[in-house]
Amino acid sequence: MTTTEQQTRPSAAAKPVRWAADMVSTMREGARLRLDYSAQSLWRLDRVIDDLRREDTPPAALESVLRGFGAYAGEVIVRQCDAEWWASGGDHWIRTPDGTLWDPIEEARRCFTGDGSLRLLCRDAVRGGCTAERV
């Protein structure tokens, strides 16, 4: 019997992995935007968030969308550098191999206010957090 990736991942990953997958499906069907879990796809999400901000969309109306965008960015980091999801008190973070905690869901909210970038968060996490040697 083979074990699937979903079965071997920590339980902290369950919700954000689902949120990310839902966002991939929603963006493909609704916005005709293909998200492939690559770092380059985060450029597109940053632009989508910029467009939503320019349209004066109320932040409360976007909470689940921003959560999905952040979860997607977190999954990009997880897949690029063997990071893992951590959860506590309903919050979810990414822990890179060097022990650094990253908050991609909050970064998506900061993007909406014009103070963040999912693309740059991923770049920083991959450059800095994924270089630790695995024991």
Protein backbone atom coordinates (compact mmCIF):
# COMPACT_ATOMS: atom_id res chain seq x y z
CA MET A 1 0.00 0.00 0.00
CA THR A 2 1.40 3.41 -0.91
CA THR A 3 1.01 6.45 1.28
CA THR A 4 -0.09 9.65 -0.35
CA GLU A 5 1.54 13.01 0.36
CA GLN A 6 -1.67 14.22 2.03
CA GLN A 7 -1.63 11.29 4.48
CA THR A 8 1.98 11.89 5.55
CA ARG A 9 1.74 15.66 6.05
CA PRO A 10 1.23 17.03 9.57
CA SER A 11 -2.33 17.82 10.63
CA ALA A 12 -1.43 21.53 10.78
CA ALA A 13 -1.34 21.44 6.98
CA ALA A 14 -4.91 20.18 6.50
CA LYS A 15 -6.75 23.50 6.45
CA PRO A 16 -4.20 25.62 4.56
CA VAL A 17 -3.68 22.91 1.95
CA ARG A 18 -7.45 22.83 1.37
CA TRP A 19 -7.66 26.66 1.26
CA ALA A 20 -4.84 26.75 -1.30
CA ALA A 21 -6.43 24.05 -3.46
CA ASP A 22 -9.79 25.85 -3.31
CA MET A 23 -8.07 29.05 -4.45
CA VAL A 24 -6.38 27.29 -7.37
CA SER A 25 -9.77 25.98 -8.48
CA THR A 26 -11.57 29.29 -7.93
CA MET A 27 -8.97 31.31 -9.83
CA ARG A 28 -8.94 28.83 -12.71
CA GLU A 29 -12.73 28.77 -13.04
CA GLY A 30 -13.64 32.33 -12.08
CA ALA A 31 -10.71 34.45 -13.22
CA ARG A 32 -9.24 32.08 -15.81
CA LEU A 33 -5.92 32.36 -13.99
CA ARG A 34 -3.78 29.25 -13.82
CA LEU A 35 -1.92 28.80 -10.55
CA ASP A 36 0.72 26.06 -10.65
CA TYR A 37 2.40 26.37 -7.22
CA SER A 38 5.43 28.08 -8.75
CA ALA A 39 7.12 31.15 -7.33
CA GLN A 40 6.34 32.94 -10.61
CA SER A 41 2.60 32.45 -10.04
CA LEU A 42 2.86 34.66 -6.96
CA TRP A 43 3.52 37.66 -9.27
CA ARG A 44 0.04 37.10 -10.67
CA LEU A 45 -1.53 36.95 -7.22
CA ASP A 46 0.20 40.16 -6.17
CA ARG A 47 -1.33 41.83 -9.23
CA VAL A 48 -4.79 40.40 -8.48
CA ILE A 49 -4.57 41.76 -4.93
CA ASP A 50 -3.47 45.16 -6.29
CA ASP A 51 -6.50 45.17 -8.60
CA LEU A 52 -8.85 44.33 -5.72
CA ARG A 53 -7.37 47.18 -3.67
CA ARG A 54 -7.77 49.65 -6.54
CA GLU A 55 -11.42 48.62 -6.90
CA ASP A 56 -11.96 49.65 -3.26
CA THR A 57 -13.20 46.21 -2.33
CA PRO A 58 -14.04 46.17 1.41
CA PRO A 59 -11.41 44.14 3.29
CA ALA A 60 -14.08 42.20 5.20
CA ALA A 61 -15.52 40.96 1.90
CA LEU A 62 -12.12 39.55 0.97
CA GLU A 63 -11.12 37.79 4.17
CA SER A 64 -11.53 34.25 2.81
CA VAL A 65 -9.97 35.25 -0.53
CA LEU A 66 -6.91 36.73 1.16
CA ARG A 67 -6.69 33.69 3.43
CA GLY A 68 -6.73 31.48 0.32
CA PHE A 69 -4.08 33.57 -1.42
CA GLY A 70 -1.88 33.41 1.68
CA ALA A 71 -2.37 29.65 2.02
CA TYR A 72 -1.45 29.25 -1.64
CA ALA A 73 1.75 31.30 -1.11
CA GLY A 74 2.54 29.13 1.91
CA GLU A 75 2.13 25.99 -0.16
CA VAL A 76 4.52 27.40 -2.74
CA ILE A 77 7.12 27.85 0.01
CA VAL A 78 6.44 24.38 1.46
CA ARG A 79 6.93 22.76 -1.93
CA GLN A 80 10.05 24.74 -2.79
CA CYS A 81 12.07 24.13 0.33
CA ASP A 82 10.71 21.26 2.38
CA ALA A 83 9.05 23.65 4.84
CA GLU A 84 6.06 22.66 6.93
CA TRP A 85 2.82 24.18 8.18
CA TRP A 86 2.51 25.00 11.87
CA ALA A 87 -0.71 25.92 13.62
CA SER A 88 -1.63 27.37 16.99
CA GLY A 89 -4.80 29.00 18.22
CA GLY A 90 -6.33 29.00 14.75
CA ASP A 91 -3.35 30.74 13.13
CA HIS A 92 -1.19 29.03 10.51
CA TRP A 93 2.46 29.66 9.70
CA ILE A 94 5.17 28.13 7.59
CA ARG A 95 8.31 26.84 9.33
CA THR A 96 11.33 26.63 7.05
CA PRO A 97 14.17 24.17 7.71
CA ASP A 98 16.22 26.84 9.51
CA GLY A 99 13.41 27.21 12.09
CA THR A 100 12.10 30.57 10.86
CA LEU A 101 8.33 31.06 11.03
CA TRP A 102 6.66 32.88 8.12
CA ASP A 103 3.07 34.14 8.03
CA PRO A 104 1.87 34.04 4.41
CA ILE A 105 -1.79 34.56 5.33
CA GLU A 106 -1.00 37.79 7.13
CA GLU A 107 1.28 38.76 4.24
CA ALA A 108 -1.71 38.48 1.87
CA ARG A 109 -3.59 40.91 4.12
CA ARG A 110 -0.60 43.27 4.07
CA CYS A 111 -0.56 43.03 0.27
CA PHE A 112 -4.13 44.27 0.23
CA THR A 113 -3.14 47.33 2.27
CA GLY A 114 -0.21 47.95 -0.09
CA ASP A 115 2.46 46.94 2.44
CA GLY A 116 3.34 43.41 1.37
CA SER A 117 4.13 41.02 -1.45
CA LEU A 118 3.54 37.29 -1.65
CA ARG A 119 6.26 37.05 -4.29
CA LEU A 120 8.83 38.76 -2.06
CA LEU A 121 7.79 36.72 0.98
CA CYS A 122 8.42 33.55 -1.01
CA ARG A 123 11.74 34.85 -2.30
CA ASP A 124 12.90 35.72 1.21
CA ALA A 125 11.73 32.43 2.71
CA VAL A 126 13.37 30.34 0.01
CA ARG A 127 16.64 32.32 0.09
CA GLY A 128 16.96 32.55 3.83
CA GLY A 129 14.97 29.77 5.42
CA CYS A 130 15.59 26.87 3.11
CA THR A 131 19.35 26.83 3.30
CA ALA A 132 19.71 25.03 6.63
CA GLU A 133 21.15 21.54 6.47
CA ARG A 134 18.68 18.78 7.27
CA VAL A 135 19.75 16.56 10.15
